[in-house]
């Protein structure tokens, strides 16, 4: 587990992810891409603050780690 100076788990979310999307993920208790991979795109889109751009950024970040959303299907945006 990576800890930052405040002894909190460091996020590996994409750098450009908008603050509303980051808040939505944090409110759901998500701080790592491995946790996001357990959700489907549909579940993520239901979170207030997660839009098509955030889904796209998260999908690319997941793919770079060899991960996918749980439904493994790309929904049309």
C-alpha atoms as a PDB file:
ATOM      1  CA  UNK A   1       0.000   0.000   0.000  1.00  0.00           C
ATOM      2  CA  UNK A   2       1.331   3.437  -0.923  1.00  0.00           C
ATOM      3  CA  UNK A   3       1.048   6.004   1.836  1.00  0.00           C
ATOM      4  CA  UNK A   4       1.548   9.721   1.391  1.00  0.00           C
ATOM      5  CA  UNK A   5       2.797  12.163   4.058  1.00  0.00           C
ATOM      6  CA  UNK A   6      -0.580  12.086   5.831  1.00  0.00           C
ATOM      7  CA  UNK A   7      -0.593   8.277   6.056  1.00  0.00           C
ATOM      8  CA  UNK A   8      -3.561   8.054   3.722  1.00  0.00           C
ATOM      9  CA  UNK A   9      -3.690   5.727   0.763  1.00  0.00           C
ATOM     10  CA  UNK A  10      -2.550   7.490  -2.368  1.00  0.00           C
ATOM     11  CA  UNK A  11      -4.864   7.451  -5.360  1.00  0.00           C
ATOM     12  CA  UNK A  12      -3.687   6.199  -8.739  1.00  0.00           C
ATOM     13  CA  UNK A  13      -6.504   7.925 -10.610  1.00  0.00           C
ATOM     14  CA  UNK A  14      -5.628   9.877 -13.789  1.00  0.00           C
ATOM     15  CA  UNK A  15      -4.103  13.307 -13.109  1.00  0.00           C
ATOM     16  CA  UNK A  16      -6.676  15.216 -15.186  1.00  0.00           C
ATOM     17  CA  UNK A  17      -9.747  13.683 -13.567  1.00  0.00           C
ATOM     18  CA  UNK A  18     -12.179  16.468 -12.636  1.00  0.00           C
ATOM     19  CA  UNK A  19     -12.823  17.285  -8.983  1.00  0.00           C
ATOM     20  CA  UNK A  20     -16.526  16.293  -9.127  1.00  0.00           C
ATOM     21  CA  UNK A  21     -15.490  12.867 -10.425  1.00  0.00           C
ATOM     22  CA  UNK A  22     -12.829  12.520  -7.729  1.00  0.00           C
ATOM     23  CA  UNK A  23     -15.382  13.460  -5.060  1.00  0.00           C
ATOM     24  CA  UNK A  24     -17.891  10.966  -6.447  1.00  0.00           C
ATOM     25  CA  UNK A  25     -15.304   8.181  -6.298  1.00  0.00           C
ATOM     26  CA  UNK A  26     -14.172   9.184  -2.798  1.00  0.00           C
ATOM     27  CA  UNK A  27     -17.784   9.284  -1.572  1.00  0.00           C
ATOM     28  CA  UNK A  28     -18.162   5.700  -2.773  1.00  0.00           C
ATOM     29  CA  UNK A  29     -14.985   4.776  -0.853  1.00  0.00           C
ATOM     30  CA  UNK A  30     -12.879   4.320  -3.974  1.00  0.00           C
ATOM     31  CA  UNK A  31      -9.270   5.460  -4.064  1.00  0.00           C
ATOM     32  CA  UNK A  32      -7.560   2.972  -6.414  1.00  0.00           C
ATOM     33  CA  UNK A  33      -8.119   1.829  -9.990  1.00  0.00           C
ATOM     34  CA  UNK A  34      -8.288  -1.785  -8.776  1.00  0.00           C
ATOM     35  CA  UNK A  35     -11.408  -0.818  -6.808  1.00  0.00           C
ATOM     36  CA  UNK A  36     -12.939   0.985  -9.800  1.00  0.00           C
ATOM     37  CA  UNK A  37     -12.380  -2.155 -11.903  1.00  0.00           C
ATOM     38  CA  UNK A  38     -14.876  -3.979  -9.667  1.00  0.00           C
ATOM     39  CA  UNK A  39     -17.651  -1.678 -10.899  1.00  0.00           C
ATOM     40  CA  UNK A  40     -19.379  -1.568 -14.261  1.00  0.00           C
ATOM     41  CA  UNK A  41     -19.467   1.534 -16.427  1.00  0.00           C
ATOM     42  CA  UNK A  42     -23.209   1.709 -15.751  1.00  0.00           C
ATOM     43  CA  UNK A  43     -22.629   1.765 -11.976  1.00  0.00           C
ATOM     44  CA  UNK A  44     -20.017   4.503 -12.339  1.00  0.00           C
ATOM     45  CA  UNK A  45     -22.240   6.612 -14.591  1.00  0.00           C
ATOM     46  CA  UNK A  46     -24.924   6.537 -11.909  1.00  0.00           C
ATOM     47  CA  UNK A  47     -22.607   8.432  -9.521  1.00  0.00           C
ATOM     48  CA  UNK A  48     -23.207  12.173  -9.405  1.00  0.00           C
ATOM     49  CA  UNK A  49     -20.079  13.795 -10.872  1.00  0.00           C
ATOM     50  CA  UNK A  50     -19.091  10.959 -13.211  1.00  0.00           C
ATOM     51  CA  UNK A  51     -19.696  11.853 -16.838  1.00  0.00           C
ATOM     52  CA  UNK A  52     -18.537  10.579 -20.222  1.00  0.00           C
ATOM     53  CA  UNK A  53     -15.159  12.304 -19.943  1.00  0.00           C
ATOM     54  CA  UNK A  54     -14.430  10.753 -16.526  1.00  0.00           C
ATOM     55  CA  UNK A  55     -15.469   7.313 -17.830  1.00  0.00           C
ATOM     56  CA  UNK A  56     -13.128   7.735 -20.800  1.00  0.00           C
ATOM     57  CA  UNK A  57     -10.212   8.789 -18.569  1.00  0.00           C
ATOM     58  CA  UNK A  58     -10.816   5.952 -16.127  1.00  0.00           C
ATOM     59  CA  UNK A  59     -11.118   3.411 -18.964  1.00  0.00           C
ATOM     60  CA  UNK A  60      -7.749   4.482 -20.380  1.00  0.00           C
ATOM     61  CA  UNK A  61      -6.144   4.393 -16.934  1.00  0.00           C
ATOM     62  CA  UNK A  62      -7.553   0.919 -16.285  1.00  0.00           C
ATOM     63  CA  UNK A  63      -6.339  -0.331 -19.675  1.00  0.00           C
ATOM     64  CA  UNK A  64      -2.840   0.968 -18.945  1.00  0.00           C
ATOM     65  CA  UNK A  65      -2.804  -1.342 -15.903  1.00  0.00           C
ATOM     66  CA  UNK A  66      -4.327  -4.272 -17.769  1.00  0.00           C
ATOM     67  CA  UNK A  67      -7.703  -3.792 -16.062  1.00  0.00           C
ATOM     68  CA  UNK A  68     -11.242  -3.241 -17.335  1.00  0.00           C
ATOM     69  CA  UNK A  69     -14.603  -2.293 -15.854  1.00  0.00           C
ATOM     70  CA  UNK A  70     -16.421  -5.273 -14.349  1.00  0.00           C
ATOM     71  CA  UNK A  71     -18.972  -5.486 -17.150  1.00  0.00           C
ATOM     72  CA  UNK A  72     -16.076  -5.537 -19.639  1.00  0.00           C
ATOM     73  CA  UNK A  73     -18.420  -3.948 -22.169  1.00  0.00           C
ATOM     74  CA  UNK A  74     -17.959  -0.456 -23.491  1.00  0.00           C
ATOM     75  CA  UNK A  75     -21.195   1.476 -23.305  1.00  0.00           C
ATOM     76  CA  UNK A  76     -21.967   4.088 -25.904  1.00  0.00           C
ATOM     77  CA  UNK A  77     -21.427   7.578 -24.583  1.00  0.00           C
END
